[in-house]
Amino acid sequence: MRQRLLGLLEKKLFHLTSLEGQVTLVVQYRKEEYDSIMTSHEAGDSFYIRTHFNHSSTDLSEHSFKIGDVFRVKDTLFRGIGGSWLAVRVLEDLTEQNK
């Protein structure tokens, strides 16, 4: 079940790190296509989650939350670290809280 919840980039990272032996990647340079995606602001993740448990963070870089809080997940591979998500709390008036 955990793997279903992972973002696309994190799934790919999980898959690549689970492979054994030599891995060969074939990549293409398409700067125009990349620039188009980046300027459209459609790059990365953007989905909402509702928490189903309480969490009190002792780390300033993490959110504390209670059951029912809503977050918009913006990056499921934050700073290139698998399992590290960038999320913004959504307030009751549907605005996003700055942190």
PDB file of N, CA and C in Angstrom:
ATOM      1  N   MET A   1       0.825  -1.195   0.000  1.00  0.00           N
ATOM      2  CA  MET A   1       0.000   0.000   0.000  1.00  0.00           C
ATOM      3  C   MET A   1       0.870   1.261   0.000  1.00  0.00           C
ATOM      4  N   ARG A   2       1.980   1.251   0.735  1.00  0.00           N
ATOM      5  CA  ARG A   2       2.828   2.442   0.809  1.00  0.00           C
ATOM      6  C   ARG A   2       3.287   2.874  -0.570  1.00  0.00           C
ATOM      7  N   GLN A   3       3.652   1.907  -1.412  1.00  0.00           N
ATOM      8  CA  GLN A   3       4.170   2.262  -2.738  1.00  0.00           C
ATOM      9  C   GLN A   3       3.114   2.978  -3.574  1.00  0.00           C
ATOM     10  N   ARG A   4       1.822   2.639  -3.398  1.00  0.00           N
ATOM     11  CA  ARG A   4       0.764   3.319  -4.153  1.00  0.00           C
ATOM     12  C   ARG A   4       0.687   4.790  -3.793  1.00  0.00           C
ATOM     13  N   LEU A   5       1.084   5.137  -2.567  1.00  0.00           N
ATOM     14  CA  LEU A   5       0.992   6.516  -2.111  1.00  0.00           C
ATOM     15  C   LEU A   5       2.167   7.376  -2.546  1.00  0.00           C
ATOM     16  N   LEU A   6       3.210   6.756  -3.011  1.00  0.00           N
ATOM     17  CA  LEU A   6       4.400   7.512  -3.391  1.00  0.00           C
ATOM     18  C   LEU A   6       4.158   8.286  -4.674  1.00  0.00           C
ATOM     19  N   GLY A   7       4.786   9.439  -4.784  1.00  0.00           N
ATOM     20  CA  GLY A   7       4.696  10.228  -6.003  1.00  0.00           C
ATOM     21  C   GLY A   7       5.431   9.547  -7.144  1.00  0.00           C
ATOM     22  N   LEU A   8       5.180   9.991  -8.338  1.00  0.00           N
ATOM     23  CA  LEU A   8       5.768   9.378  -9.526  1.00  0.00           C
ATOM     24  C   LEU A   8       7.291   9.358  -9.470  1.00  0.00           C
ATOM     25  N   LEU A   9       7.910  10.464  -9.127  1.00  0.00           N
ATOM     26  CA  LEU A   9       9.374  10.489  -9.062  1.00  0.00           C
ATOM     27  C   LEU A   9       9.896   9.530  -8.008  1.00  0.00           C
ATOM     28  N   GLU A  10       9.224   9.496  -6.867  1.00  0.00           N
ATOM     29  CA  GLU A  10       9.676   8.616  -5.801  1.00  0.00           C
ATOM     30  C   GLU A  10       9.502   7.153  -6.203  1.00  0.00           C
ATOM     31  N   LYS A  11       8.441   6.842  -6.937  1.00  0.00           N
ATOM     32  CA  LYS A  11       8.252   5.468  -7.427  1.00  0.00           C
ATOM     33  C   LYS A  11       9.400   5.067  -8.346  1.00  0.00           C
ATOM     34  N   LYS A  12       9.764   5.987  -9.228  1.00  0.00           N
ATOM     35  CA  LYS A  12      10.866   5.694 -10.153  1.00  0.00           C
ATOM     36  C   LYS A  12      12.172   5.516  -9.392  1.00  0.00           C
ATOM     37  N   LEU A  13      12.411   6.374  -8.402  1.00  0.00           N
ATOM     38  CA  LEU A  13      13.616   6.247  -7.587  1.00  0.00           C
ATOM     39  C   LEU A  13      13.621   4.911  -6.845  1.00  0.00           C
ATOM     40  N   PHE A  14      12.486   4.540  -6.272  1.00  0.00           N
ATOM     41  CA  PHE A  14      12.354   3.268  -5.561  1.00  0.00           C
ATOM     42  C   PHE A  14      12.666   2.108  -6.501  1.00  0.00           C
ATOM     43  N   HIS A  15      12.122   2.178  -7.714  1.00  0.00           N
ATOM     44  CA  HIS A  15      12.354   1.109  -8.692  1.00  0.00           C
ATOM     45  C   HIS A  15      13.832   1.028  -9.075  1.00  0.00           C
ATOM     46  N   LEU A  16      14.427   2.166  -9.397  1.00  0.00           N
ATOM     47  CA  LEU A  16      15.830   2.167  -9.824  1.00  0.00           C
ATOM     48  C   LEU A  16      16.767   1.684  -8.721  1.00  0.00           C
ATOM     49  N   THR A  17      16.488   2.063  -7.483  1.00  0.00           N
ATOM     50  CA  THR A  17      17.372   1.631  -6.397  1.00  0.00           C
ATOM     51  C   THR A  17      17.150   0.174  -6.020  1.00  0.00           C
ATOM     52  N   SER A  18      16.051  -0.419  -6.466  1.00  0.00           N
ATOM     53  CA  SER A  18      15.807  -1.833  -6.155  1.00  0.00           C
ATOM     54  C   SER A  18      16.452  -2.770  -7.181  1.00  0.00           C
ATOM     55  N   LEU A  19      16.897  -2.221  -8.300  1.00  0.00           N
ATOM     56  CA  LEU A  19      17.512  -3.043  -9.343  1.00  0.00           C
ATOM     57  C   LEU A  19      18.899  -3.507  -8.920  1.00  0.00           C
ATOM     58  N   GLU A  20      19.251  -4.703  -9.356  1.00  0.00           N
ATOM     59  CA  GLU A  20      20.584  -5.226  -9.071  1.00  0.00           C
ATOM     60  C   GLU A  20      21.373  -5.291 -10.369  1.00  0.00           C
ATOM     61  N   GLY A  21      22.670  -5.154 -10.270  1.00  0.00           N
ATOM     62  CA  GLY A  21      23.513  -5.218 -11.458  1.00  0.00           C
ATOM     63  C   GLY A  21      23.591  -3.877 -12.159  1.00  0.00           C
ATOM     64  N   GLN A  22      24.069  -3.917 -13.389  1.00  0.00           N
ATOM     65  CA  GLN A  22      24.272  -2.702 -14.174  1.00  0.00           C
ATOM     66  C   GLN A  22      22.952  -2.209 -14.741  1.00  0.00           C
ATOM     67  N   VAL A  23      22.740  -0.905 -14.688  1.00  0.00           N
ATOM     68  CA  VAL A  23      21.548  -0.267 -15.242  1.00  0.00           C
ATOM     69  C   VAL A  23      22.012   0.734 -16.291  1.00  0.00           C
ATOM     70  N   THR A  24      21.417   0.675 -17.486  1.00  0.00           N
ATOM     71  CA  THR A  24      21.755   1.605 -18.554  1.00  0.00           C
ATOM     72  C   THR A  24      20.541   2.475 -18.839  1.00  0.00           C
ATOM     73  N   LEU A  25      20.736   3.790 -18.802  1.00  0.00           N
ATOM     74  CA  LEU A  25      19.668   4.731 -19.118  1.00  0.00           C
ATOM     75  C   LEU A  25      19.976   5.412 -20.439  1.00  0.00           C
ATOM     76  N   VAL A  26      18.963   5.550 -21.269  1.00  0.00           N
ATOM     77  CA  VAL A  26      19.094   6.295 -22.514  1.00  0.00           C
ATOM     78  C   VAL A  26      18.280   7.571 -22.330  1.00  0.00           C
ATOM     79  N   VAL A  27      18.935   8.712 -22.445  1.00  0.00           N
ATOM     80  CA  VAL A  27      18.257   9.987 -22.238  1.00  0.00           C
ATOM     81  C   VAL A  27      18.406  10.862 -23.472  1.00  0.00           C
ATOM     82  N   GLN A  28      17.470  11.799 -23.621  1.00  0.00           N
ATOM     83  CA  GLN A  28      17.523  12.735 -24.734  1.00  0.00           C
ATOM     84  C   GLN A  28      17.511  14.154 -24.186  1.00  0.00           C
ATOM     85  N   TYR A  29      18.259  15.032 -24.803  1.00  0.00           N
ATOM     86  CA  TYR A  29      18.306  16.430 -24.430  1.00  0.00           C
ATOM     87  C   TYR A  29      17.209  17.160 -25.201  1.00  0.00           C
ATOM     88  N   ARG A  30      16.227  17.698 -24.484  1.00  0.00           N
ATOM     89  CA  ARG A  30      15.129  18.443 -25.108  1.00  0.00           C
ATOM     90  C   ARG A  30      14.867  19.708 -24.296  1.00  0.00           C
ATOM     91  N   LYS A  31      15.774  20.637 -24.383  1.00  0.00           N
ATOM     92  CA  LYS A  31      15.697  21.849 -23.574  1.00  0.00           C
ATOM     93  C   LYS A  31      14.410  22.632 -23.822  1.00  0.00           C
ATOM     94  N   GLU A  32      13.964  22.734 -25.051  1.00  0.00           N
ATOM     95  CA  GLU A  32      12.745  23.488 -25.346  1.00  0.00           C
ATOM     96  C   GLU A  32      11.542  22.867 -24.639  1.00  0.00           C
ATOM     97  N   GLU A  33      11.459  21.542 -24.663  1.00  0.00           N
ATOM     98  CA  GLU A  33      10.351  20.854 -24.006  1.00  0.00           C
ATOM     99  C   GLU A  33      10.426  21.044 -22.491  1.00  0.00           C
ATOM    100  N   TYR A  34      11.626  20.943 -21.943  1.00  0.00           N
ATOM    101  CA  TYR A  34      11.833  21.147 -20.506  1.00  0.00           C
ATOM    102  C   TYR A  34      11.438  22.568 -20.106  1.00  0.00           C
ATOM    103  N   ASP A  35      11.905  23.558 -20.863  1.00  0.00           N
ATOM    104  CA  ASP A  35      11.586  24.951 -20.554  1.00  0.00           C
ATOM    105  C   ASP A  35      10.087  25.204 -20.621  1.00  0.00           C
ATOM    106  N   SER A  36       9.413  24.576 -21.573  1.00  0.00           N
ATOM    107  CA  SER A  36       7.968  24.724 -21.703  1.00  0.00           C
ATOM    108  C   SER A  36       7.245  24.185 -20.464  1.00  0.00           C
ATOM    109  N   ILE A  37       7.675  23.048 -19.980  1.00  0.00           N
ATOM    110  CA  ILE A  37       7.071  22.462 -18.775  1.00  0.00           C
ATOM    111  C   ILE A  37       7.328  23.354 -17.567  1.00  0.00           C
ATOM    112  N   MET A  38       8.551  23.829 -17.430  1.00  0.00           N
ATOM    113  CA  MET A  38       8.908  24.645 -16.271  1.00  0.00           C
ATOM    114  C   MET A  38       8.162  25.975 -16.256  1.00  0.00           C
ATOM    115  N   THR A  39       7.972  26.602 -17.404  1.00  0.00           N
ATOM    116  CA  THR A  39       7.277  27.892 -17.439  1.00  0.00           C
ATOM    117  C   THR A  39       5.767  27.730 -17.299  1.00  0.00           C
ATOM    118  N   SER A  40       5.243  26.538 -17.564  1.00  0.00           N
ATOM    119  CA  SER A  40       3.804  26.314 -17.437  1.00  0.00           C
ATOM    120  C   SER A  40       3.393  26.072 -15.991  1.00  0.00           C
ATOM    121  N   HIS A  41       4.355  25.944 -15.090  1.00  0.00           N
ATOM    122  CA  HIS A  41       4.107  25.668 -13.671  1.00  0.00           C
ATOM    123  C   HIS A  41       3.372  24.348 -13.460  1.00  0.00           C
ATOM    124  N   GLU A  42       3.487  23.427 -14.401  1.00  0.00           N
ATOM    125  CA  GLU A  42       2.867  22.116 -14.273  1.00  0.00           C
ATOM    126  C   GLU A  42       3.879  21.057 -13.859  1.00  0.00           C
ATOM    127  N   ALA A  43       5.116  21.470 -13.637  1.00  0.00           N
ATOM    128  CA  ALA A  43       6.140  20.513 -13.237  1.00  0.00           C
ATOM    129  C   ALA A  43       5.945  20.144 -11.774  1.00  0.00           C
ATOM    130  N   GLY A  44       6.359  18.946 -11.421  1.00  0.00           N
ATOM    131  CA  GLY A  44       6.291  18.518 -10.027  1.00  0.00           C
ATOM    132  C   GLY A  44       4.945  17.921  -9.670  1.00  0.00           C
ATOM    133  N   ASP A  45       4.741  17.780  -8.382  1.00  0.00           N
ATOM    134  CA  ASP A  45       3.518  17.168  -7.871  1.00  0.00           C
ATOM    135  C   ASP A  45       2.543  18.252  -7.437  1.00  0.00           C
ATOM    136  N   SER A  46       1.292  17.907  -7.387  1.00  0.00           N
ATOM    137  CA  SER A  46       0.285  18.795  -6.826  1.00  0.00           C
ATOM    138  C   SER A  46      -0.953  17.967  -6.538  1.00  0.00           C
ATOM    139  N   PHE A  47      -1.064  17.528  -5.281  1.00  0.00           N
ATOM    140  CA  PHE A  47      -2.255  16.790  -4.864  1.00  0.00           C
ATOM    141  C   PHE A  47      -2.498  17.056  -3.390  1.00  0.00           C
ATOM    142  N   TYR A  48      -3.694  16.726  -2.932  1.00  0.00           N
ATOM    143  CA  TYR A  48      -4.091  17.028  -1.565  1.00  0.00           C
ATOM    144  C   TYR A  48      -4.183  15.749  -0.743  1.00  0.00           C
ATOM    145  N   ILE A  49      -3.832  15.887   0.545  1.00  0.00           N
ATOM    146  CA  ILE A  49      -3.974  14.769   1.474  1.00  0.00           C
ATOM    147  C   ILE A  49      -4.676  15.263   2.733  1.00  0.00           C
ATOM    148  N   ARG A  50      -5.399  14.359   3.390  1.00  0.00           N
ATOM    149  CA  ARG A  50      -6.001  14.639   4.695  1.00  0.00           C
ATOM    150  C   ARG A  50      -5.355  13.685   5.690  1.00  0.00           C
ATOM    151  N   THR A  51      -4.900  14.222   6.808  1.00  0.00           N
ATOM    152  CA  THR A  51      -4.201  13.395   7.787  1.00  0.00           C
ATOM    153  C   THR A  51      -5.185  12.531   8.573  1.00  0.00           C
ATOM    154  N   HIS A  52      -4.737  11.325   8.914  1.00  0.00           N
ATOM    155  CA  HIS A  52      -5.571  10.377   9.657  1.00  0.00           C
ATOM    156  C   HIS A  52      -4.961  10.021  11.004  1.00  0.00           C
ATOM    157  N   PHE A  53      -3.995  10.822  11.446  1.00  0.00           N
ATOM    158  CA  PHE A  53      -3.380  10.616  12.759  1.00  0.00           C
ATOM    159  C   PHE A  53      -2.757  11.932  13.211  1.00  0.00           C
ATOM    160  N   ASN A  54      -2.433  12.014  14.479  1.00  0.00           N
ATOM    161  CA  ASN A  54      -1.772  13.192  15.041  1.00  0.00           C
ATOM    162  C   ASN A  54      -0.265  13.007  14.975  1.00  0.00           C
ATOM    163  N   HIS A  55       0.442  14.130  14.786  1.00  0.00           N
ATOM    164  CA  HIS A  55       1.908  14.088  14.759  1.00  0.00           C
ATOM    165  C   HIS A  55       2.445  15.376  15.365  1.00  0.00           C
ATOM    166  N   SER A  56       3.275  15.236  16.393  1.00  0.00           N
ATOM    167  CA  SER A  56       3.950  16.389  16.997  1.00  0.00           C
ATOM    168  C   SER A  56       5.409  16.351  16.580  1.00  0.00           C
ATOM    169  N   SER A  57       5.810  17.316  15.793  1.00  0.00           N
ATOM    170  CA  SER A  57       7.170  17.347  15.269  1.00  0.00           C
ATOM    171  C   SER A  57       8.125  17.991  16.264  1.00  0.00           C
ATOM    172  N   THR A  58       9.316  17.423  16.353  1.00  0.00           N
ATOM    173  CA  THR A  58      10.381  18.038  17.147  1.00  0.00           C
ATOM    174  C   THR A  58      11.404  18.706  16.232  1.00  0.00           C
ATOM    175  N   ASP A  59      11.205  18.563  14.932  1.00  0.00           N
ATOM    176  CA  ASP A  59      12.105  19.118  13.920  1.00  0.00           C
ATOM    177  C   ASP A  59      11.430  20.333  13.283  1.00  0.00           C
ATOM    178  N   LEU A  60      12.097  21.478  13.272  1.00  0.00           N
ATOM    179  CA  LEU A  60      11.502  22.700  12.718  1.00  0.00           C
ATOM    180  C   LEU A  60      11.187  22.597  11.233  1.00  0.00           C
ATOM    181  N   SER A  61      11.815  21.659  10.527  1.00  0.00           N
ATOM    182  CA  SER A  61      11.561  21.522   9.095  1.00  0.00           C
ATOM    183  C   SER A  61      10.344  20.647   8.811  1.00  0.00           C
ATOM    184  N   GLU A  62       9.718  20.088   9.848  1.00  0.00           N
ATOM    185  CA  GLU A  62       8.549  19.229   9.672  1.00  0.00           C
ATOM    186  C   GLU A  62       7.306  19.902  10.233  1.00  0.00           C
ATOM    187  N   HIS A  63       6.147  19.496   9.705  1.00  0.00           N
ATOM    188  CA  HIS A  63       4.866  19.984  10.205  1.00  0.00           C
ATOM    189  C   HIS A  63       4.415  19.152  11.396  1.00  0.00           C
ATOM    190  N   SER A  64       3.778  19.799  12.346  1.00  0.00           N
ATOM    191  CA  SER A  64       2.962  19.101  13.333  1.00  0.00           C
ATOM    192  C   SER A  64       1.540  19.173  12.804  1.00  0.00           C
ATOM    193  N   PHE A  65       0.745  18.138  13.049  1.00  0.00           N
ATOM    194  CA  PHE A  65      -0.628  18.166  12.558  1.00  0.00           C
ATOM    195  C   PHE A  65      -1.509  17.284  13.419  1.00  0.00           C
ATOM    196  N   LYS A  66      -2.819  17.463  13.217  1.00  0.00           N
ATOM    197  CA  LYS A  66      -3.797  16.645  13.924  1.00  0.00           C
ATOM    198  C   LYS A  66      -4.697  15.963  12.906  1.00  0.00           C
ATOM    199  N   ILE A  67      -5.452  14.995  13.363  1.00  0.00           N
ATOM    200  CA  ILE A  67      -6.365  14.262  12.483  1.00  0.00           C
ATOM    201  C   ILE A  67      -7.269  15.256  11.751  1.00  0.00           C
ATOM    202  N   GLY A  68      -7.372  15.097  10.440  1.00  0.00           N
ATOM    203  CA  GLY A  68      -8.261  15.925   9.635  1.00  0.00           C
ATOM    204  C   GLY A  68      -7.614  17.124   8.973  1.00  0.00           C
ATOM    205  N   ASP A  69      -6.367  17.438   9.313  1.00  0.00           N
ATOM    206  CA  ASP A  69      -5.688  18.550   8.642  1.00  0.00           C
ATOM    207  C   ASP A  69      -5.485  18.215   7.164  1.00  0.00           C
ATOM    208  N   VAL A  70      -5.510  19.246   6.333  1.00  0.00           N
ATOM    209  CA  VAL A  70      -5.359  19.067   4.887  1.00  0.00           C
ATOM    210  C   VAL A  70      -4.074  19.761   4.438  1.00  0.00           C
ATOM    211  N   PHE A  71      -3.346  19.080   3.558  1.00  0.00           N
ATOM    212  CA  PHE A  71      -2.114  19.618   2.995  1.00  0.00           C
ATOM    213  C   PHE A  71      -2.132  19.456   1.481  1.00  0.00           C
ATOM    214  N   ARG A  72      -1.497  20.410   0.795  1.00  0.00           N
ATOM    215  CA  ARG A  72      -1.242  20.237  -0.636  1.00  0.00           C
ATOM    216  C   ARG A  72       0.213  19.804  -0.770  1.00  0.00           C
ATOM    217  N   VAL A  73       0.413  18.636  -1.344  1.00  0.00           N
ATOM    218  CA  VAL A  73       1.755  18.109  -1.557  1.00  0.00           C
ATOM    219  C   VAL A  73       2.277  18.696  -2.858  1.00  0.00           C
ATOM    220  N   LYS A  74       3.443  19.345  -2.776  1.00  0.00           N
ATOM    221  CA  LYS A  74       4.021  20.015  -3.935  1.00  0.00           C
ATOM    222  C   LYS A  74       5.211  19.271  -4.520  1.00  0.00           C
ATOM    223  N   ASP A  75       5.831  18.400  -3.712  1.00  0.00           N
ATOM    224  CA  ASP A  75       7.012  17.678  -4.182  1.00  0.00           C
ATOM    225  C   ASP A  75       7.182  16.423  -3.339  1.00  0.00           C
ATOM    226  N   THR A  76       7.165  15.258  -3.978  1.00  0.00           N
ATOM    227  CA  THR A  76       7.321  13.995  -3.252  1.00  0.00           C
ATOM    228  C   THR A  76       8.753  13.480  -3.285  1.00  0.00           C
ATOM    229  N   LEU A  77       9.638  14.300  -3.809  1.00  0.00           N
ATOM    230  CA  LEU A  77      11.065  13.964  -3.806  1.00  0.00           C
ATOM    231  C   LEU A  77      11.834  15.238  -3.441  1.00  0.00           C
ATOM    232  N   PHE A  78      11.432  15.847  -2.325  1.00  0.00           N
ATOM    233  CA  PHE A  78      11.951  17.148  -1.909  1.00  0.00           C
ATOM    234  C   PHE A  78      13.454  17.077  -1.675  1.00  0.00           C
ATOM    235  N   ARG A  79      14.162  18.008  -2.318  1.00  0.00           N
ATOM    236  CA  ARG A  79      15.630  18.083  -2.258  1.00  0.00           C
ATOM    237  C   ARG A  79      16.294  16.782  -2.700  1.00  0.00           C
ATOM    238  N   GLY A  80      15.573  16.014  -3.540  1.00  0.00           N
ATOM    239  CA  GLY A  80      16.134  14.781  -4.082  1.00  0.00           C
ATOM    240  C   GLY A  80      16.184  13.635  -3.097  1.00  0.00           C
ATOM    241  N   ILE A  81      15.457  13.738  -1.990  1.00  0.00           N
ATOM    242  CA  ILE A  81      15.485  12.708  -0.952  1.00  0.00           C
ATOM    243  C   ILE A  81      14.197  11.901  -0.999  1.00  0.00           C
ATOM    244  N   GLY A  82      14.306  10.594  -1.245  1.00  0.00           N
ATOM    245  CA  GLY A  82      13.144   9.714  -1.242  1.00  0.00           C
ATOM    246  C   GLY A  82      12.496   9.696   0.133  1.00  0.00           C
ATOM    247  N   GLY A  83      11.169   9.804   0.185  1.00  0.00           N
ATOM    248  CA  GLY A  83      10.451   9.819   1.452  1.00  0.00           C
ATOM    249  C   GLY A  83      10.307  11.205   2.051  1.00  0.00           C
ATOM    250  N   SER A  84      10.936  12.202   1.439  1.00  0.00           N
ATOM    251  CA  SER A  84      10.848  13.574   1.927  1.00  0.00           C
ATOM    252  C   SER A  84       9.892  14.353   1.027  1.00  0.00           C
ATOM    253  N   TRP A  85       8.808  14.847   1.616  1.00  0.00           N
ATOM    254  CA  TRP A  85       7.800  15.567   0.847  1.00  0.00           C
ATOM    255  C   TRP A  85       7.801  17.041   1.231  1.00  0.00           C
ATOM    256  N   LEU A  86       7.493  17.895   0.256  1.00  0.00           N
ATOM    257  CA  LEU A  86       7.241  19.307   0.519  1.00  0.00           C
ATOM    258  C   LEU A  86       5.729  19.483   0.470  1.00  0.00           C
ATOM    259  N   ALA A  87       5.153  19.919   1.589  1.00  0.00           N
ATOM    260  CA  ALA A  87       3.698  20.068   1.668  1.00  0.00           C
ATOM    261  C   ALA A  87       3.357  21.390   2.340  1.00  0.00           C
ATOM    262  N   VAL A  88       2.217  21.959   1.940  1.00  0.00           N
ATOM    263  CA  VAL A  88       1.747  23.222   2.490  1.00  0.00           C
ATOM    264  C   VAL A  88       0.381  22.983   3.116  1.00  0.00           C
ATOM    265  N   ARG A  89       0.211  23.455   4.345  1.00  0.00           N
ATOM    266  CA  ARG A  89      -1.073  23.288   5.041  1.00  0.00           C
ATOM    267  C   ARG A  89      -2.149  24.133   4.350  1.00  0.00           C
ATOM    268  N   VAL A  90      -3.331  23.564   4.161  1.00  0.00           N
ATOM    269  CA  VAL A  90      -4.474  24.278   3.597  1.00  0.00           C
ATOM    270  C   VAL A  90      -5.382  24.668   4.763  1.00  0.00           C
ATOM    271  N   LEU A  91      -5.649  25.958   4.880  1.00  0.00           N
ATOM    272  CA  LEU A  91      -6.465  26.475   5.980  1.00  0.00           C
ATOM    273  C   LEU A  91      -7.952  26.320   5.671  1.00  0.00           C
ATOM    274  N   GLU A  92      -8.794  26.574   6.677  1.00  0.00           N
ATOM    275  CA  GLU A  92     -10.240  26.398   6.506  1.00  0.00           C
ATOM    276  C   GLU A  92     -10.821  27.289   5.419  1.00  0.00           C
ATOM    277  N   ASP A  93     -10.222  28.464   5.192  1.00  0.00           N
ATOM    278  CA  ASP A  93     -10.717  29.356   4.133  1.00  0.00           C
ATOM    279  C   ASP A  93     -10.131  28.990   2.763  1.00  0.00           C
ATOM    280  N   LEU A  94      -9.491  27.811   2.680  1.00  0.00           N
ATOM    281  CA  LEU A  94      -8.909  27.228   1.467  1.00  0.00           C
ATOM    282  C   LEU A  94      -7.663  27.961   0.971  1.00  0.00           C
ATOM    283  N   THR A  95      -7.091  28.830   1.793  1.00  0.00           N
ATOM    284  CA  THR A  95      -5.807  29.432   1.447  1.00  0.00           C
ATOM    285  C   THR A  95      -4.692  28.549   1.995  1.00  0.00           C
ATOM    286  N   GLU A  96      -3.511  28.731   1.446  1.00  0.00           N
ATOM    287  CA  GLU A  96      -2.372  27.932   1.892  1.00  0.00           C
ATOM    288  C   GLU A  96      -1.565  28.716   2.911  1.00  0.00           C
ATOM    289  N   GLN A  97      -1.199  28.036   3.991  1.00  0.00           N
ATOM    290  CA  GLN A  97      -0.430  28.667   5.057  1.00  0.00           C
ATOM    291  C   GLN A  97       1.032  28.761   4.660  1.00  0.00           C
ATOM    292  N   ASN A  98       1.604  29.932   4.806  1.00  0.00           N
ATOM    293  CA  ASN A  98       3.040  30.096   4.565  1.00  0.00           C
ATOM    294  C   ASN A  98       3.796  29.586   5.777  1.00  0.00           C
ATOM    295  N   LYS A  99       4.905  28.886   5.519  1.00  0.00           N
ATOM    296  CA  LYS A  99       5.726  28.396   6.626  1.00  0.00           C
ATOM    297  C   LYS A  99       7.160  28.722   6.361  1.00  0.00           C
TER     298      LYS A  99
END
